[in-house]
Amino acid sequence: MTGKGIFVTYYFPRIANYCKELKMDMPQTLPLGDKVFTIPEVAAYLKISKSKIYDLVSRKKIPHLKVGRNVRIRESDLLRWLELQIEKVPH
């Protein structure tokens, strides 16, 4: 089963039930196509240490989400955050 299939069959009903319990509206759209990275994957992509990524997460300097005790970073959040890190050089 693909990642999208797992999400739809396992997580979607749980999110719907959770929203119902909290008397919240179910989100109309969910980012099904967004890749989700682990800390080691983000560290490898950015070519920096895992400990540096963990430090950024603990100081809430990089957008992340928690799945239980596991930290995950969505590709779209990572790319948006990277754009904000670009330092402008005066001409």
N, C-alpha and C. Protein backbone atom coordinates (compact mmCIF):
# COMPACT_ATOMS: atom_id res chain seq x y z
N MET A 1 0.85 -1.18 0.00
CA MET A 1 0.00 0.00 0.00
C MET A 1 0.89 1.24 0.00
N THR A 2 0.55 2.24 -0.78
CA THR A 2 1.34 3.46 -0.87
C THR A 2 1.11 4.34 0.36
N GLY A 3 1.96 5.35 0.50
CA GLY A 3 1.80 6.29 1.61
C GLY A 3 0.44 6.95 1.60
N LYS A 4 -0.02 7.33 0.40
CA LYS A 4 -1.33 7.98 0.29
C LYS A 4 -2.43 7.00 0.70
N GLY A 5 -2.30 5.73 0.30
CA GLY A 5 -3.29 4.73 0.66
C GLY A 5 -3.37 4.50 2.16
N ILE A 6 -2.21 4.46 2.79
CA ILE A 6 -2.17 4.29 4.25
C ILE A 6 -2.85 5.47 4.92
N PHE A 7 -2.57 6.67 4.43
CA PHE A 7 -3.17 7.86 5.03
C PHE A 7 -4.69 7.80 4.94
N VAL A 8 -5.19 7.51 3.75
CA VAL A 8 -6.64 7.51 3.53
C VAL A 8 -7.32 6.43 4.34
N THR A 9 -6.74 5.23 4.39
CA THR A 9 -7.42 4.13 5.09
C THR A 9 -7.19 4.14 6.59
N TYR A 10 -6.04 4.65 7.05
CA TYR A 10 -5.75 4.60 8.48
C TYR A 10 -5.96 5.94 9.18
N TYR A 11 -5.34 6.99 8.67
CA TYR A 11 -5.36 8.26 9.38
C TYR A 11 -6.61 9.10 9.13
N PHE A 12 -7.11 9.12 7.91
CA PHE A 12 -8.25 9.97 7.59
C PHE A 12 -9.44 9.70 8.51
N PRO A 13 -9.85 8.44 8.70
CA PRO A 13 -10.99 8.20 9.61
C PRO A 13 -10.69 8.65 11.05
N ARG A 14 -9.45 8.51 11.49
CA ARG A 14 -9.10 8.93 12.84
C ARG A 14 -9.14 10.45 12.98
N ILE A 15 -8.68 11.15 11.95
CA ILE A 15 -8.75 12.61 11.97
C ILE A 15 -10.21 13.05 11.99
N ALA A 16 -11.05 12.40 11.18
CA ALA A 16 -12.47 12.74 11.14
C ALA A 16 -13.11 12.53 12.51
N ASN A 17 -12.81 11.40 13.17
CA ASN A 17 -13.37 11.12 14.50
C ASN A 17 -12.87 12.13 15.53
N TYR A 18 -11.59 12.49 15.44
CA TYR A 18 -11.00 13.46 16.37
C TYR A 18 -11.69 14.81 16.22
N CYS A 19 -11.89 15.24 14.98
CA CYS A 19 -12.58 16.51 14.72
C CYS A 19 -14.00 16.47 15.25
N LYS A 20 -14.66 15.33 15.07
CA LYS A 20 -16.04 15.17 15.55
C LYS A 20 -16.09 15.28 17.07
N GLU A 21 -15.15 14.62 17.76
CA GLU A 21 -15.11 14.66 19.22
C GLU A 21 -14.90 16.08 19.74
N LEU A 22 -14.07 16.84 19.03
CA LEU A 22 -13.79 18.21 19.45
C LEU A 22 -14.79 19.22 18.89
N LYS A 23 -15.80 18.69 18.18
CA LYS A 23 -16.82 19.52 17.56
C LYS A 23 -16.19 20.54 16.60
N MET A 24 -15.20 20.05 15.85
CA MET A 24 -14.51 20.87 14.85
C MET A 24 -14.95 20.42 13.47
N ASP A 25 -14.85 21.34 12.52
CA ASP A 25 -15.11 20.98 11.14
C ASP A 25 -13.91 20.22 10.61
N MET A 26 -14.18 19.21 9.82
CA MET A 26 -13.11 18.45 9.17
C MET A 26 -12.45 19.35 8.13
N PRO A 27 -11.12 19.39 8.07
CA PRO A 27 -10.47 20.19 7.03
C PRO A 27 -10.97 19.78 5.65
N GLN A 28 -11.19 20.75 4.79
CA GLN A 28 -11.71 20.48 3.46
C GLN A 28 -10.65 19.85 2.56
N THR A 29 -9.41 20.24 2.75
CA THR A 29 -8.34 19.67 1.96
C THR A 29 -7.21 19.23 2.87
N LEU A 30 -6.60 18.15 2.52
CA LEU A 30 -5.45 17.66 3.26
C LEU A 30 -4.29 17.51 2.28
N PRO A 31 -3.08 17.87 2.70
CA PRO A 31 -1.93 17.83 1.79
C PRO A 31 -1.45 16.41 1.55
N LEU A 32 -2.19 15.66 0.72
CA LEU A 32 -1.85 14.26 0.51
C LEU A 32 -0.57 14.07 -0.30
N GLY A 33 -0.23 15.03 -1.15
CA GLY A 33 0.94 14.87 -2.00
C GLY A 33 2.23 15.37 -1.38
N ASP A 34 2.18 15.98 -0.21
CA ASP A 34 3.35 16.55 0.42
C ASP A 34 4.21 15.45 1.04
N LYS A 35 5.50 15.43 0.67
CA LYS A 35 6.40 14.44 1.27
C LYS A 35 6.69 14.84 2.71
N VAL A 36 6.96 13.84 3.53
CA VAL A 36 7.29 14.07 4.93
C VAL A 36 8.64 13.44 5.20
N PHE A 37 9.55 14.24 5.79
CA PHE A 37 10.91 13.80 6.03
C PHE A 37 11.19 13.56 7.51
N THR A 38 12.10 12.63 7.77
CA THR A 38 12.60 12.41 9.12
C THR A 38 13.77 13.37 9.36
N ILE A 39 14.22 13.45 10.59
CA ILE A 39 15.36 14.30 10.93
C ILE A 39 16.61 13.88 10.13
N PRO A 40 16.95 12.58 10.08
CA PRO A 40 18.14 12.21 9.30
C PRO A 40 18.01 12.57 7.81
N GLU A 41 16.81 12.48 7.26
CA GLU A 41 16.61 12.83 5.86
C GLU A 41 16.81 14.33 5.63
N VAL A 42 16.29 15.14 6.55
CA VAL A 42 16.46 16.59 6.43
C VAL A 42 17.94 16.95 6.59
N ALA A 43 18.61 16.32 7.55
CA ALA A 43 20.04 16.59 7.78
C ALA A 43 20.85 16.25 6.53
N ALA A 44 20.55 15.12 5.92
CA ALA A 44 21.26 14.72 4.71
C ALA A 44 20.97 15.69 3.57
N TYR A 45 19.74 16.10 3.42
CA TYR A 45 19.35 17.03 2.36
C TYR A 45 20.07 18.37 2.52
N LEU A 46 20.14 18.88 3.76
CA LEU A 46 20.77 20.17 4.01
C LEU A 46 22.28 20.06 4.21
N LYS A 47 22.77 18.81 4.29
CA LYS A 47 24.19 18.55 4.51
C LYS A 47 24.69 19.19 5.81
N ILE A 48 23.89 19.02 6.86
CA ILE A 48 24.29 19.43 8.21
C ILE A 48 23.98 18.28 9.15
N SER A 49 24.46 18.38 10.37
CA SER A 49 24.32 17.26 11.30
C SER A 49 22.88 17.09 11.80
N LYS A 50 22.58 15.86 12.19
CA LYS A 50 21.26 15.57 12.78
C LYS A 50 21.09 16.38 14.06
N SER A 51 22.17 16.52 14.83
CA SER A 51 22.06 17.26 16.10
C SER A 51 21.69 18.73 15.86
N LYS A 52 22.15 19.30 14.76
CA LYS A 52 21.80 20.68 14.43
C LYS A 52 20.30 20.77 14.11
N ILE A 53 19.78 19.79 13.39
CA ILE A 53 18.34 19.78 13.09
C ILE A 53 17.54 19.62 14.37
N TYR A 54 17.97 18.69 15.25
CA TYR A 54 17.28 18.52 16.53
C TYR A 54 17.32 19.82 17.34
N ASP A 55 18.44 20.53 17.29
CA ASP A 55 18.55 21.80 18.00
C ASP A 55 17.56 22.82 17.43
N LEU A 56 17.48 22.92 16.11
CA LEU A 56 16.52 23.83 15.48
C LEU A 56 15.08 23.48 15.86
N VAL A 57 14.78 22.19 15.92
CA VAL A 57 13.44 21.74 16.31
C VAL A 57 13.17 22.10 17.77
N SER A 58 14.12 21.82 18.65
CA SER A 58 13.89 22.07 20.08
C SER A 58 13.74 23.56 20.38
N ARG A 59 14.39 24.41 19.58
CA ARG A 59 14.27 25.86 19.76
C ARG A 59 13.15 26.45 18.91
N LYS A 60 12.40 25.56 18.23
CA LYS A 60 11.27 25.96 17.38
C LYS A 60 11.70 26.96 16.31
N LYS A 61 12.86 26.70 15.71
CA LYS A 61 13.40 27.55 14.66
C LYS A 61 13.10 27.01 13.27
N ILE A 62 12.63 25.78 13.19
CA ILE A 62 12.29 25.16 11.92
C ILE A 62 10.89 24.55 12.06
N PRO A 63 10.03 24.73 11.06
CA PRO A 63 8.68 24.16 11.18
C PRO A 63 8.73 22.63 11.19
N HIS A 64 7.97 22.06 12.08
CA HIS A 64 7.95 20.60 12.21
C HIS A 64 6.62 20.17 12.80
N LEU A 65 6.39 18.88 12.75
CA LEU A 65 5.22 18.32 13.41
C LEU A 65 5.65 17.07 14.14
N LYS A 66 4.86 16.70 15.10
CA LYS A 66 5.15 15.50 15.87
C LYS A 66 4.08 14.47 15.61
N VAL A 67 4.53 13.26 15.38
CA VAL A 67 3.65 12.11 15.24
C VAL A 67 4.01 11.23 16.42
N GLY A 68 3.24 11.36 17.49
CA GLY A 68 3.63 10.71 18.73
C GLY A 68 4.88 11.40 19.24
N ARG A 69 5.94 10.63 19.44
CA ARG A 69 7.22 11.20 19.87
C ARG A 69 8.16 11.47 18.70
N ASN A 70 7.72 11.12 17.50
CA ASN A 70 8.56 11.27 16.31
C ASN A 70 8.39 12.64 15.68
N VAL A 71 9.51 13.23 15.29
CA VAL A 71 9.49 14.54 14.63
C VAL A 71 9.52 14.32 13.12
N ARG A 72 8.67 15.05 12.41
CA ARG A 72 8.63 14.99 10.96
C ARG A 72 8.59 16.41 10.42
N ILE A 73 9.13 16.59 9.22
CA ILE A 73 9.13 17.90 8.58
C ILE A 73 8.58 17.74 7.18
N ARG A 74 7.51 18.49 6.87
CA ARG A 74 6.92 18.42 5.54
C ARG A 74 7.81 19.13 4.53
N GLU A 75 7.87 18.58 3.34
CA GLU A 75 8.69 19.16 2.29
C GLU A 75 8.32 20.62 2.02
N SER A 76 7.04 20.91 1.94
CA SER A 76 6.61 22.28 1.66
C SER A 76 7.06 23.24 2.76
N ASP A 77 6.98 22.81 4.03
CA ASP A 77 7.44 23.65 5.13
C ASP A 77 8.95 23.86 5.08
N LEU A 78 9.68 22.81 4.75
CA LEU A 78 11.13 22.90 4.66
C LEU A 78 11.55 23.87 3.56
N LEU A 79 10.93 23.76 2.40
CA LEU A 79 11.28 24.65 1.29
C LEU A 79 10.92 26.10 1.60
N ARG A 80 9.79 26.32 2.22
CA ARG A 80 9.39 27.67 2.61
C ARG A 80 10.37 28.24 3.63
N TRP A 81 10.76 27.42 4.61
CA TRP A 81 11.71 27.84 5.63
C TRP A 81 13.06 28.17 5.01
N LEU A 82 13.50 27.34 4.05
CA LEU A 82 14.78 27.59 3.38
C LEU A 82 14.77 28.93 2.66
N GLU A 83 13.67 29.26 2.02
CA GLU A 83 13.57 30.55 1.33
C GLU A 83 13.74 31.72 2.31
N LEU A 84 13.23 31.56 3.51
CA LEU A 84 13.33 32.61 4.52
C LEU A 84 14.76 32.75 5.07
N GLN A 85 15.59 31.73 4.85
CA GLN A 85 16.95 31.74 5.37
C GLN A 85 17.93 32.45 4.45
N ILE A 86 17.50 32.79 3.26
CA ILE A 86 18.40 33.43 2.30
C ILE A 86 18.70 34.85 2.77
N GLU A 87 19.97 35.14 2.92
CA GLU A 87 20.39 36.47 3.34
C GLU A 87 20.55 37.36 2.12
N LYS A 88 19.97 38.53 2.22
CA LYS A 88 20.07 39.50 1.12
C LYS A 88 21.44 40.16 1.19
N VAL A 89 22.09 40.23 0.03
CA VAL A 89 23.41 40.86 -0.06
C VAL A 89 23.21 42.23 -0.72
N PRO A 90 23.67 43.30 -0.06
CA PRO A 90 23.52 44.62 -0.68
C PRO A 90 24.36 44.72 -1.95
N HIS A 91 23.84 45.42 -2.94
CA HIS A 91 24.57 45.58 -4.21
C HIS A 91 25.46 46.77 -4.16
